[in-house]
C-alpha atoms as a PDB file:
ATOM      1  CA  MET A   1     144.433 149.976 302.616  1.00  0.00           C
ATOM      2  CA  SER A   2     140.986 149.093 303.912  1.00  0.00           C
ATOM      3  CA  LEU A   3     139.744 145.939 305.639  1.00  0.00           C
ATOM      4  CA  SER A   4     136.256 147.289 306.400  1.00  0.00           C
ATOM      5  CA  GLY A   5     134.414 144.990 303.999  1.00  0.00           C
ATOM      6  CA  PHE A   6     134.877 142.524 301.153  1.00  0.00           C
ATOM      7  CA  ALA A   7     133.031 142.049 297.883  1.00  0.00           C
ATOM      8  CA  ASP A   8     133.883 138.310 297.683  1.00  0.00           C
ATOM      9  CA  PRO A   9     135.163 137.150 301.098  1.00  0.00           C
ATOM     10  CA  LEU A  10     135.378 133.464 300.067  1.00  0.00           C
ATOM     11  CA  TRP A  11     138.767 134.236 298.531  1.00  0.00           C
ATOM     12  CA  LEU A  12     140.047 134.764 302.074  1.00  0.00           C
ATOM     13  CA  LEU A  13     140.017 130.963 302.421  1.00  0.00           C
ATOM     14  CA  LEU A  14     143.226 131.032 300.397  1.00  0.00           C
ATOM     15  CA  ILE A  15     144.927 132.446 303.484  1.00  0.00           C
ATOM     16  CA  GLY A  16     144.205 129.097 305.124  1.00  0.00           C
ATOM     17  CA  VAL A  17     145.914 127.354 302.195  1.00  0.00           C
ATOM     18  CA  VAL A  18     148.951 129.607 302.675  1.00  0.00           C
ATOM     19  CA  ALA A  19     148.948 128.706 306.389  1.00  0.00           C
ATOM     20  CA  VAL A  20     148.888 124.980 305.519  1.00  0.00           C
ATOM     21  CA  LEU A  21     151.808 125.474 303.118  1.00  0.00           C
ATOM     22  CA  ALA A  22     153.728 127.354 305.823  1.00  0.00           C
ATOM     23  CA  VAL A  23     153.163 124.517 308.297  1.00  0.00           C
ATOM     24  CA  GLY A  24     154.249 122.033 305.640  1.00  0.00           C
ATOM     25  CA  TYR A  25     157.410 124.024 305.053  1.00  0.00           C
ATOM     26  CA  LEU A  26     158.255 124.023 308.770  1.00  0.00           C
ATOM     27  CA  VAL A  27     157.611 120.288 309.054  1.00  0.00           C
ATOM     28  CA  THR A  28     159.814 119.643 306.010  1.00  0.00           C
ATOM     29  CA  GLN A  29     162.636 121.661 307.544  1.00  0.00           C
ATOM     30  CA  ARG A  30     162.355 119.780 310.804  1.00  0.00           C
ATOM     31  CA  LEU A  31     162.399 116.394 309.028  1.00  0.00           C
ATOM     32  CA  ARG A  32     165.395 117.451 306.944  1.00  0.00           C
ATOM     33  CA  ARG A  33     167.302 118.409 310.085  1.00  0.00           C
ATOM     34  CA  ARG A  34     166.435 115.082 311.699  1.00  0.00           C
ATOM     35  CA  ASP A  35     167.632 113.110 308.678  1.00  0.00           C
ATOM     36  CA  THR A  36     170.841 115.110 308.574  1.00  0.00           C
ATOM     37  CA  LYS A  37     171.703 114.124 312.115  1.00  0.00           C
ATOM     38  CA  ARG A  38     171.716 110.457 311.072  1.00  0.00           C
ATOM     39  CA  PHE A  39     175.041 111.010 309.309  1.00  0.00           C
ATOM     40  CA  THR A  40     177.796 110.082 311.727  1.00  0.00           C
ATOM     41  CA  ASN A  41     180.703 111.337 309.598  1.00  0.00           C
ATOM     42  CA  LEU A  42     180.230 115.095 309.625  1.00  0.00           C
ATOM     43  CA  GLU A  43     183.416 115.673 307.592  1.00  0.00           C
ATOM     44  CA  LEU A  44     182.025 113.542 304.785  1.00  0.00           C
ATOM     45  CA  LEU A  45     178.692 115.414 305.048  1.00  0.00           C
ATOM     46  CA  GLU A  46     180.407 118.772 304.582  1.00  0.00           C
ATOM     47  CA  ARG A  47     182.222 117.475 301.500  1.00  0.00           C
ATOM     48  CA  VAL A  48     179.123 115.924 299.955  1.00  0.00           C
ATOM     49  CA  ALA A  49     176.648 118.705 300.802  1.00  0.00           C
ATOM     50  CA  PRO A  50     177.878 122.275 300.328  1.00  0.00           C
ATOM     51  CA  ARG A  51     177.390 124.664 303.186  1.00  0.00           C
ATOM     52  CA  ARG A  52     173.943 126.261 302.932  1.00  0.00           C
ATOM     53  CA  PRO A  53     172.935 129.699 304.260  1.00  0.00           C
ATOM     54  CA  GLY A  54     171.633 129.817 307.810  1.00  0.00           C
ATOM     55  CA  TRP A  55     168.432 131.504 308.845  1.00  0.00           C
ATOM     56  CA  GLN A  56     168.620 133.754 305.756  1.00  0.00           C
ATOM     57  CA  ARG A  57     167.403 130.890 303.569  1.00  0.00           C
ATOM     58  CA  HIS A  58     163.978 131.207 305.229  1.00  0.00           C
ATOM     59  CA  ILE A  59     163.548 134.816 304.087  1.00  0.00           C
ATOM     60  CA  PRO A  60     162.348 134.067 300.491  1.00  0.00           C
ATOM     61  CA  PRO A  61     159.607 131.581 301.498  1.00  0.00           C
ATOM     62  CA  ALA A  62     158.482 133.880 304.312  1.00  0.00           C
ATOM     63  CA  MET A  63     158.221 136.806 301.890  1.00  0.00           C
ATOM     64  CA  LEU A  64     156.384 134.615 299.398  1.00  0.00           C
ATOM     65  CA  ALA A  65     153.875 133.628 302.094  1.00  0.00           C
ATOM     66  CA  VAL A  66     153.266 137.285 302.952  1.00  0.00           C
ATOM     67  CA  GLY A  67     152.862 138.112 299.265  1.00  0.00           C
ATOM     68  CA  LEU A  68     150.330 135.316 298.800  1.00  0.00           C
ATOM     69  CA  ILE A  69     148.336 136.530 301.815  1.00  0.00           C
ATOM     70  CA  LEU A  70     148.209 140.042 300.408  1.00  0.00           C
ATOM     71  CA  LEU A  71     147.136 138.726 296.999  1.00  0.00           C
ATOM     72  CA  SER A  72     144.410 136.649 298.668  1.00  0.00           C
ATOM     73  CA  ILE A  73     143.093 139.779 300.367  1.00  0.00           C
ATOM     74  CA  ALA A  74     143.136 141.588 297.008  1.00  0.00           C
ATOM     75  CA  LEU A  75     141.134 138.768 295.384  1.00  0.00           C
ATOM     76  CA  ALA A  76     138.545 139.041 298.176  1.00  0.00           C
ATOM     77  CA  GLY A  77     137.811 142.582 296.968  1.00  0.00           C
ATOM     78  CA  PRO A  78     138.313 144.852 299.987  1.00  0.00           C
ATOM     79  CA  THR A  79     136.089 147.923 299.914  1.00  0.00           C
ATOM     80  CA  ALA A  80     136.204 151.375 301.475  1.00  0.00           C
ATOM     81  CA  GLU A  81     133.899 154.338 301.839  1.00  0.00           C
ATOM     82  CA  SER A  82     134.925 157.272 299.691  1.00  0.00           C
ATOM     83  CA  LYS A  83     133.562 160.756 299.063  1.00  0.00           C
ATOM     84  CA  VAL A  84     132.709 160.962 295.378  1.00  0.00           C
ATOM     85  CA  PRO A  85     131.824 164.265 293.671  1.00  0.00           C
ATOM     86  CA  ARG A  86     128.217 164.463 292.511  1.00  0.00           C
ATOM     87  CA  ASN A  87     127.765 164.976 288.800  1.00  0.00           C
ATOM     88  CA  ARG A  88     123.957 165.108 289.011  1.00  0.00           C
ATOM     89  CA  ALA A  89     122.508 167.389 291.659  1.00  0.00           C
ATOM     90  CA  THR A  90     120.531 170.626 291.777  1.00  0.00           C
ATOM     91  CA  VAL A  91     120.738 173.243 294.515  1.00  0.00           C
ATOM     92  CA  MET A  92     118.654 176.406 294.800  1.00  0.00           C
ATOM     93  CA  LEU A  93     119.861 179.282 296.943  1.00  0.00           C
ATOM     94  CA  VAL A  94     116.789 181.088 298.320  1.00  0.00           C
ATOM     95  CA  VAL A  95     117.772 184.428 299.836  1.00  0.00           C
ATOM     96  CA  ASP A  96     115.618 186.658 302.039  1.00  0.00           C
ATOM     97  CA  VAL A  97     116.014 190.286 300.906  1.00  0.00           C
ATOM     98  CA  SER A  98     113.335 191.792 303.150  1.00  0.00           C
ATOM     99  CA  LEU A  99     114.061 195.098 304.909  1.00  0.00           C
ATOM    100  CA  SER A 100     114.878 193.282 308.149  1.00  0.00           C
ATOM    101  CA  MET A 101     117.970 191.956 306.369  1.00  0.00           C
ATOM    102  CA  ASN A 102     119.379 195.496 306.650  1.00  0.00           C
ATOM    103  CA  SER A 103     120.010 194.865 310.338  1.00  0.00           C
ATOM    104  CA  LYS A 104     123.667 195.238 311.262  1.00  0.00           C
ATOM    105  CA  ASP A 105     123.565 192.786 314.165  1.00  0.00           C
ATOM    106  CA  ILE A 106     125.697 190.620 311.875  1.00  0.00           C
ATOM    107  CA  PRO A 107     128.237 193.040 310.395  1.00  0.00           C
ATOM    108  CA  PRO A 108     128.343 194.563 307.916  1.00  0.00           C
ATOM    109  CA  SER A 109     124.656 193.572 307.694  1.00  0.00           C
ATOM    110  CA  ARG A 110     122.623 190.372 307.590  1.00  0.00           C
ATOM    111  CA  LEU A 111     122.234 190.602 303.832  1.00  0.00           C
ATOM    112  CA  ALA A 112     125.849 191.554 303.140  1.00  0.00           C
ATOM    113  CA  ALA A 113     127.100 188.695 305.325  1.00  0.00           C
ATOM    114  CA  ALA A 114     124.770 186.311 303.518  1.00  0.00           C
ATOM    115  CA  GLN A 115     126.018 187.539 300.134  1.00  0.00           C
ATOM    116  CA  GLN A 116     129.667 187.058 301.057  1.00  0.00           C
ATOM    117  CA  ALA A 117     129.133 183.556 302.375  1.00  0.00           C
ATOM    118  CA  ALA A 118     126.823 182.594 299.489  1.00  0.00           C
ATOM    119  CA  LYS A 119     129.488 183.462 296.926  1.00  0.00           C
ATOM    120  CA  SER A 120     132.005 181.411 298.872  1.00  0.00           C
ATOM    121  CA  PHE A 121     129.525 178.529 298.905  1.00  0.00           C
ATOM    122  CA  ALA A 122     129.183 178.792 295.112  1.00  0.00           C
ATOM    123  CA  ASP A 123     132.961 178.598 294.735  1.00  0.00           C
ATOM    124  CA  GLN A 124     133.280 175.566 297.029  1.00  0.00           C
ATOM    125  CA  LEU A 125     130.419 173.570 295.550  1.00  0.00           C
ATOM    126  CA  THR A 126     131.411 170.703 293.262  1.00  0.00           C
ATOM    127  CA  PRO A 127     131.615 172.012 289.654  1.00  0.00           C
ATOM    128  CA  GLY A 128     129.184 169.355 288.395  1.00  0.00           C
ATOM    129  CA  VAL A 129     126.369 170.523 290.691  1.00  0.00           C
ATOM    130  CA  ASN A 130     123.755 172.838 289.143  1.00  0.00           C
ATOM    131  CA  LEU A 131     123.196 175.933 291.260  1.00  0.00           C
ATOM    132  CA  GLY A 132     120.347 178.456 290.987  1.00  0.00           C
ATOM    133  CA  LEU A 133     119.349 181.625 292.814  1.00  0.00           C
ATOM    134  CA  ILE A 134     115.998 182.980 294.066  1.00  0.00           C
ATOM    135  CA  GLU A 135     115.326 186.159 296.022  1.00  0.00           C
ATOM    136  CA  PHE A 136     112.196 186.872 298.002  1.00  0.00           C
ATOM    137  CA  ALA A 137     110.701 189.799 299.847  1.00  0.00           C
ATOM    138  CA  GLY A 138     107.004 190.507 299.311  1.00  0.00           C
ATOM    139  CA  SER A 139     107.157 187.998 296.438  1.00  0.00           C
ATOM    140  CA  ALA A 140     109.731 185.603 294.989  1.00  0.00           C
ATOM    141  CA  THR A 141     111.812 186.001 291.827  1.00  0.00           C
ATOM    142  CA  THR A 142     114.030 183.424 290.147  1.00  0.00           C
ATOM    143  CA  LEU A 143     117.198 185.342 289.292  1.00  0.00           C
ATOM    144  CA  VAL A 144     119.286 182.441 287.966  1.00  0.00           C
ATOM    145  CA  SER A 145     117.955 179.067 286.805  1.00  0.00           C
ATOM    146  CA  PRO A 146     120.050 176.029 287.807  1.00  0.00           C
ATOM    147  CA  THR A 147     123.390 176.131 286.010  1.00  0.00           C
ATOM    148  CA  THR A 148     126.985 175.046 286.439  1.00  0.00           C
ATOM    149  CA  ASP A 149     128.108 178.595 285.528  1.00  0.00           C
ATOM    150  CA  ARG A 150     129.076 180.025 288.901  1.00  0.00           C
ATOM    151  CA  THR A 151     129.727 183.456 287.363  1.00  0.00           C
ATOM    152  CA  GLN A 152     126.013 183.970 286.712  1.00  0.00           C
ATOM    153  CA  VAL A 153     125.083 182.949 290.224  1.00  0.00           C
ATOM    154  CA  LYS A 154     127.661 185.197 291.884  1.00  0.00           C
ATOM    155  CA  ALA A 155     126.605 188.132 289.719  1.00  0.00           C
ATOM    156  CA  GLY A 156     123.010 187.551 290.845  1.00  0.00           C
ATOM    157  CA  ILE A 157     124.107 187.432 294.477  1.00  0.00           C
ATOM    158  CA  ASP A 158     125.918 190.762 294.118  1.00  0.00           C
ATOM    159  CA  ALA A 159     122.750 192.327 292.664  1.00  0.00           C
ATOM    160  CA  LEU A 160     120.520 191.485 295.647  1.00  0.00           C
ATOM    161  CA  LYS A 161     118.755 194.537 297.086  1.00  0.00           C
ATOM    162  CA  PRO A 162     116.409 194.852 300.110  1.00  0.00           C
ATOM    163  CA  ALA A 163     112.669 195.219 299.483  1.00  0.00           C
ATOM    164  CA  GLU A 164     109.454 195.308 301.518  1.00  0.00           C
ATOM    165  CA  GLY A 165     107.643 192.220 302.775  1.00  0.00           C
ATOM    166  CA  THR A 166     108.710 188.693 303.620  1.00  0.00           C
ATOM    167  CA  ALA A 167     107.038 185.869 301.694  1.00  0.00           C
ATOM    168  CA  THR A 168     109.191 182.931 302.744  1.00  0.00           C
ATOM    169  CA  GLY A 169     106.634 180.396 301.497  1.00  0.00           C
ATOM    170  CA  ASP A 170     106.717 181.951 298.031  1.00  0.00           C
ATOM    171  CA  GLY A 171     110.499 181.634 297.972  1.00  0.00           C
ATOM    172  CA  ILE A 172     110.329 177.923 298.836  1.00  0.00           C
ATOM    173  CA  ALA A 173     107.557 177.316 296.288  1.00  0.00           C
ATOM    174  CA  ALA A 174     109.583 179.068 293.575  1.00  0.00           C
ATOM    175  CA  ALA A 175     112.598 176.894 294.385  1.00  0.00           C
ATOM    176  CA  VAL A 176     110.558 173.684 294.145  1.00  0.00           C
ATOM    177  CA  GLN A 177     109.121 174.779 290.810  1.00  0.00           C
ATOM    178  CA  ALA A 178     112.530 175.767 289.418  1.00  0.00           C
ATOM    179  CA  ILE A 179     114.066 172.431 290.419  1.00  0.00           C
ATOM    180  CA  GLN A 180     111.173 170.436 288.971  1.00  0.00           C
ATOM    181  CA  SER A 181     111.299 172.345 285.668  1.00  0.00           C
ATOM    182  CA  PHE A 182     115.042 171.855 285.400  1.00  0.00           C
ATOM    183  CA  GLY A 183     114.764 168.188 286.397  1.00  0.00           C
ATOM    184  CA  LYS A 184     112.466 167.483 283.456  1.00  0.00           C
ATOM    185  CA  LEU A 185     115.220 168.628 281.106  1.00  0.00           C
ATOM    186  CA  ILE A 186     117.979 166.413 282.509  1.00  0.00           C
ATOM    187  CA  THR A 187     116.094 163.389 283.858  1.00  0.00           C
ATOM    188  CA  GLY A 188     117.968 160.226 282.945  1.00  0.00           C
ATOM    189  CA  ALA A 189     117.656 156.520 283.594  1.00  0.00           C
ATOM    190  CA  ASP A 190     118.115 157.139 287.310  1.00  0.00           C
ATOM    191  CA  GLY A 191     115.247 159.637 287.422  1.00  0.00           C
ATOM    192  CA  PRO A 192     115.534 163.310 288.341  1.00  0.00           C
ATOM    193  CA  PRO A 193     118.776 164.382 289.999  1.00  0.00           C
ATOM    194  CA  PRO A 194     118.937 164.798 293.781  1.00  0.00           C
ATOM    195  CA  ALA A 195     117.973 168.296 294.896  1.00  0.00           C
ATOM    196  CA  ARG A 196     118.431 170.586 297.875  1.00  0.00           C
ATOM    197  CA  ILE A 197     117.093 174.003 298.830  1.00  0.00           C
ATOM    198  CA  VAL A 198     119.353 176.298 300.849  1.00  0.00           C
ATOM    199  CA  LEU A 199     117.245 178.953 302.577  1.00  0.00           C
ATOM    200  CA  LEU A 200     118.988 182.059 303.939  1.00  0.00           C
ATOM    201  CA  SER A 201     116.746 184.086 306.192  1.00  0.00           C
ATOM    202  CA  ASP A 202     116.267 185.614 309.616  1.00  0.00           C
ATOM    203  CA  GLY A 203     113.047 183.604 309.795  1.00  0.00           C
ATOM    204  CA  ARG A 204     110.525 186.468 310.074  1.00  0.00           C
ATOM    205  CA  GLU A 205     107.640 185.855 307.645  1.00  0.00           C
ATOM    206  CA  ASN A 206     104.779 188.378 307.360  1.00  0.00           C
ATOM    207  CA  ASN A 207     103.209 187.549 303.994  1.00  0.00           C
ATOM    208  CA  PRO A 208     101.111 185.645 304.941  1.00  0.00           C
ATOM    209  CA  ALA A 209     101.149 186.075 308.698  1.00  0.00           C
ATOM    210  CA  ASP A 210     100.148 182.429 309.268  1.00  0.00           C
ATOM    211  CA  PRO A 211     102.953 180.057 308.172  1.00  0.00           C
ATOM    212  CA  ASN A 212     100.371 177.260 307.877  1.00  0.00           C
ATOM    213  CA  ALA A 213      98.335 179.174 305.297  1.00  0.00           C
ATOM    214  CA  ALA A 214      98.343 177.958 301.701  1.00  0.00           C
ATOM    215  CA  ARG A 215     101.261 180.240 300.786  1.00  0.00           C
ATOM    216  CA  GLY A 216     102.879 179.989 304.205  1.00  0.00           C
ATOM    217  CA  ALA A 217     106.401 178.766 304.875  1.00  0.00           C
ATOM    218  CA  TYR A 218     105.331 175.673 306.834  1.00  0.00           C
ATOM    219  CA  THR A 219     102.885 174.579 304.137  1.00  0.00           C
ATOM    220  CA  GLN A 220     105.491 175.002 301.415  1.00  0.00           C
ATOM    221  CA  ALA A 221     108.102 173.206 303.521  1.00  0.00           C
ATOM    222  CA  ARG A 222     105.778 170.182 303.655  1.00  0.00           C
ATOM    223  CA  ALA A 223     105.385 170.394 299.885  1.00  0.00           C
ATOM    224  CA  ALA A 224     109.168 170.438 299.506  1.00  0.00           C
ATOM    225  CA  ARG A 225     109.371 167.273 301.573  1.00  0.00           C
ATOM    226  CA  GLN A 226     106.832 165.545 299.309  1.00  0.00           C
ATOM    227  CA  ALA A 227     108.934 166.623 296.333  1.00  0.00           C
ATOM    228  CA  GLN A 228     112.038 165.143 298.045  1.00  0.00           C
ATOM    229  CA  MET A 229     113.755 168.510 298.281  1.00  0.00           C
ATOM    230  CA  PRO A 230     114.997 168.952 301.863  1.00  0.00           C
ATOM    231  CA  ILE A 231     115.664 172.495 302.999  1.00  0.00           C
ATOM    232  CA  SER A 232     118.912 173.478 304.670  1.00  0.00           C
ATOM    233  CA  GLY A 233     117.743 176.485 306.640  1.00  0.00           C
ATOM    234  CA  ILE A 234     120.481 178.922 307.612  1.00  0.00           C
ATOM    235  CA  TYR A 235     119.331 181.289 310.319  1.00  0.00           C
ATOM    236  CA  PHE A 236     121.301 184.418 310.946  1.00  0.00           C
ATOM    237  CA  GLY A 237     120.275 187.227 313.196  1.00  0.00           C
ATOM    238  CA  THR A 238     119.818 188.026 316.843  1.00  0.00           C
ATOM    239  CA  LYS A 239     116.861 188.845 319.058  1.00  0.00           C
ATOM    240  CA  GLY A 240     118.121 192.397 319.470  1.00  0.00           C
ATOM    241  CA  GLY A 241     118.429 193.272 315.780  1.00  0.00           C
ATOM    242  CA  THR A 242     117.240 196.639 314.515  1.00  0.00           C
ATOM    243  CA  ALA A 243     116.906 197.995 310.969  1.00  0.00           C
ATOM    244  CA  ASP A 244     116.312 201.381 309.354  1.00  0.00           C
ATOM    245  CA  VAL A 245     112.820 201.299 307.804  1.00  0.00           C
ATOM    246  CA  GLU A 246     111.856 204.569 306.094  1.00  0.00           C
ATOM    247  CA  GLY A 247     114.157 206.529 308.349  1.00  0.00           C
ATOM    248  CA  GLN A 248     112.938 204.901 311.527  1.00  0.00           C
ATOM    249  CA  ALA A 249     114.844 202.337 313.580  1.00  0.00           C
ATOM    250  CA  GLU A 250     112.623 199.309 314.046  1.00  0.00           C
ATOM    251  CA  ASP A 251     113.172 196.166 316.055  1.00  0.00           C
ATOM    252  CA  VAL A 252     113.650 193.196 313.721  1.00  0.00           C
ATOM    253  CA  PRO A 253     114.354 190.191 315.949  1.00  0.00           C
ATOM    254  CA  GLY A 254     115.095 186.992 314.100  1.00  0.00           C
ATOM    255  CA  ASP A 255     112.798 183.982 314.405  1.00  0.00           C
ATOM    256  CA  GLN A 256     115.136 181.090 315.037  1.00  0.00           C
ATOM    257  CA  GLN A 257     112.329 178.653 315.900  1.00  0.00           C
ATOM    258  CA  ALA A 258     110.575 179.298 312.581  1.00  0.00           C
ATOM    259  CA  MET A 259     113.732 178.474 310.634  1.00  0.00           C
ATOM    260  CA  ARG A 260     114.166 175.229 312.542  1.00  0.00           C
ATOM    261  CA  GLN A 261     110.532 174.308 311.948  1.00  0.00           C
ATOM    262  CA  ILE A 262     110.801 174.975 308.203  1.00  0.00           C
ATOM    263  CA  ALA A 263     113.888 172.770 307.933  1.00  0.00           C
ATOM    264  CA  GLU A 264     112.382 169.936 309.999  1.00  0.00           C
ATOM    265  CA  LEU A 265     109.083 169.943 308.096  1.00  0.00           C
ATOM    266  CA  SER A 266     111.005 169.594 304.818  1.00  0.00           C
ATOM    267  CA  GLY A 267     113.188 166.757 306.091  1.00  0.00           C
ATOM    268  CA  GLY A 268     116.243 168.995 306.202  1.00  0.00           C
ATOM    269  CA  GLN A 269     118.349 170.607 308.888  1.00  0.00           C
ATOM    270  CA  ALA A 270     118.649 174.098 310.341  1.00  0.00           C
ATOM    271  CA  TYR A 271     121.916 175.850 311.069  1.00  0.00           C
ATOM    272  CA  ASP A 272     122.474 178.770 313.411  1.00  0.00           C
ATOM    273  CA  ALA A 273     125.039 181.440 312.695  1.00  0.00           C
ATOM    274  CA  GLU A 274     125.406 184.695 314.545  1.00  0.00           C
ATOM    275  CA  SER A 275     128.485 185.970 312.730  1.00  0.00           C
ATOM    276  CA  ALA A 276     129.930 186.032 309.232  1.00  0.00           C
ATOM    277  CA  GLY A 277     132.647 183.600 310.360  1.00  0.00           C
ATOM    278  CA  GLN A 278     130.063 181.087 311.556  1.00  0.00           C
ATOM    279  CA  LEU A 279     128.150 181.481 308.310  1.00  0.00           C
ATOM    280  CA  GLN A 280     131.323 180.629 306.410  1.00  0.00           C
ATOM    281  CA  ASN A 281     131.699 177.411 308.414  1.00  0.00           C
ATOM    282  CA  VAL A 282     128.076 176.497 307.713  1.00  0.00           C
ATOM    283  CA  TYR A 283     128.506 177.022 303.982  1.00  0.00           C
ATOM    284  CA  SER A 284     131.714 174.985 303.920  1.00  0.00           C
ATOM    285  CA  SER A 285     129.905 172.118 305.644  1.00  0.00           C
ATOM    286  CA  LEU A 286     126.936 172.358 303.272  1.00  0.00           C
ATOM    287  CA  ALA A 287     129.188 172.452 300.207  1.00  0.00           C
ATOM    288  CA  SER A 288     130.756 169.192 301.329  1.00  0.00           C
ATOM    289  CA  GLN A 289     127.401 167.525 302.120  1.00  0.00           C
ATOM    290  CA  ILE A 290     125.716 168.574 298.881  1.00  0.00           C
ATOM    291  CA  GLY A 291     128.631 168.343 296.492  1.00  0.00           C
ATOM    292  CA  TYR A 292     129.773 164.872 297.496  1.00  0.00           C
ATOM    293  CA  GLU A 293     128.206 161.546 298.286  1.00  0.00           C
ATOM    294  CA  THR A 294     129.675 158.618 300.187  1.00  0.00           C
ATOM    295  CA  LYS A 295     130.003 155.478 298.095  1.00  0.00           C
ATOM    296  CA  THR A 296     131.526 152.067 298.675  1.00  0.00           C
ATOM    297  CA  VAL A 297     134.429 151.713 296.258  1.00  0.00           C
ATOM    298  CA  ASP A 298     136.931 148.994 295.426  1.00  0.00           C
ATOM    299  CA  ALA A 299     140.078 149.178 297.564  1.00  0.00           C
ATOM    300  CA  SER A 300     141.922 146.106 296.271  1.00  0.00           C
ATOM    301  CA  GLN A 301     144.559 147.881 294.181  1.00  0.00           C
ATOM    302  CA  PRO A 302     146.976 148.689 297.065  1.00  0.00           C
ATOM    303  CA  TRP A 303     146.778 145.082 298.288  1.00  0.00           C
ATOM    304  CA  LEU A 304     147.317 143.760 294.770  1.00  0.00           C
ATOM    305  CA  ALA A 305     150.292 146.039 294.142  1.00  0.00           C
ATOM    306  CA  LEU A 306     151.955 145.280 297.483  1.00  0.00           C
ATOM    307  CA  GLY A 307     151.323 141.526 297.208  1.00  0.00           C
ATOM    308  CA  THR A 308     152.807 141.399 293.696  1.00  0.00           C
ATOM    309  CA  LEU A 309     155.835 143.466 294.754  1.00  0.00           C
ATOM    310  CA  ILE A 310     156.616 141.295 297.789  1.00  0.00           C
ATOM    311  CA  SER A 311     156.191 138.094 295.730  1.00  0.00           C
ATOM    312  CA  LEU A 312     158.666 139.381 293.150  1.00  0.00           C
ATOM    313  CA  LEU A 313     161.079 140.422 295.891  1.00  0.00           C
ATOM    314  CA  SER A 314     160.860 136.920 297.352  1.00  0.00           C
ATOM    315  CA  VAL A 315     162.084 135.501 294.032  1.00  0.00           C
ATOM    316  CA  ALA A 316     164.919 138.027 293.913  1.00  0.00           C
ATOM    317  CA  ALA A 317     165.882 137.229 297.524  1.00  0.00           C
ATOM    318  CA  SER A 318     165.886 133.519 296.718  1.00  0.00           C
ATOM    319  CA  VAL A 319     168.303 134.062 293.840  1.00  0.00           C
ATOM    320  CA  LEU A 320     170.612 136.259 295.910  1.00  0.00           C
ATOM    321  CA  ILE A 321     170.653 134.002 298.982  1.00  0.00           C
ATOM    322  CA  THR A 322     170.586 130.490 297.498  1.00  0.00           C
ATOM    323  CA  GLN A 323     171.812 131.217 293.962  1.00  0.00           C
ATOM    324  CA  ARG A 324     168.676 129.521 292.639  1.00  0.00           C
ATOM    325  CA  ILE A 325     164.922 129.981 292.614  1.00  0.00           C
ATOM    326  CA  SER A 326     163.505 127.922 295.508  1.00  0.00           C
END
């Protein structure tokens, strides 16, 4: 039962009318008591006027006043903020499958941890949201176009395999293109559906080496912002990560700053996770943010129901106490 805002607050003036009626009732009772005292023969008064209930007779009008106040609040249209599932939204999972993702600094490995959490994210996301999947290493590949079929997406996640190179910018560009192509198919009166890119990476880009190059991650992040597709960058890795590359152990430290920069340039937010458990928390939070939107909804029904119930009870109490409707 919310009182945070009203659609038509002028109806609240009726509460003042109820207050005036309550004052009138009290004045009437006082005048009636004064007139009663003018009778000098109390025995005759008791014979002429039957004995009336005491304080109980005030219960019905008091309940009626409360009921009218509640109904006045209902008429004013109280509102509340509510999380409403999105029926029109597109999300692209963009997963880094470069060889550095073989690092086991996040057990069982960066890639395996990302796969586990990504499938959980797919399960938690609102069913009406369209979800797609892109992998990138030396180049980007769209594995699953946006769809509400979570089975396809999870099958694609299971099939992810490490490869050479890290073209983060290509992955972002592929996501933007996939969302735009899909948006043209389902654009309605409200325009294309809201979109989000979820980037899973340790942040180390080497193709191209300069993130501000035409194909670079920073350049493509700016393009995503212009397309109104913020990137939720999920960084996982540590500075001491190592990976087996062609039989040799190589240092593959994550680039946390790059992930934050990509997210900020796109108008999104970066998340840090150094364990599979933390990744799970990040995905749960993202699923809630992306799958739902906060809307102002009508909250008058509880007030209307309670006001009607109390008003009816006041009539019943009047009949039981006074043997008549008063």
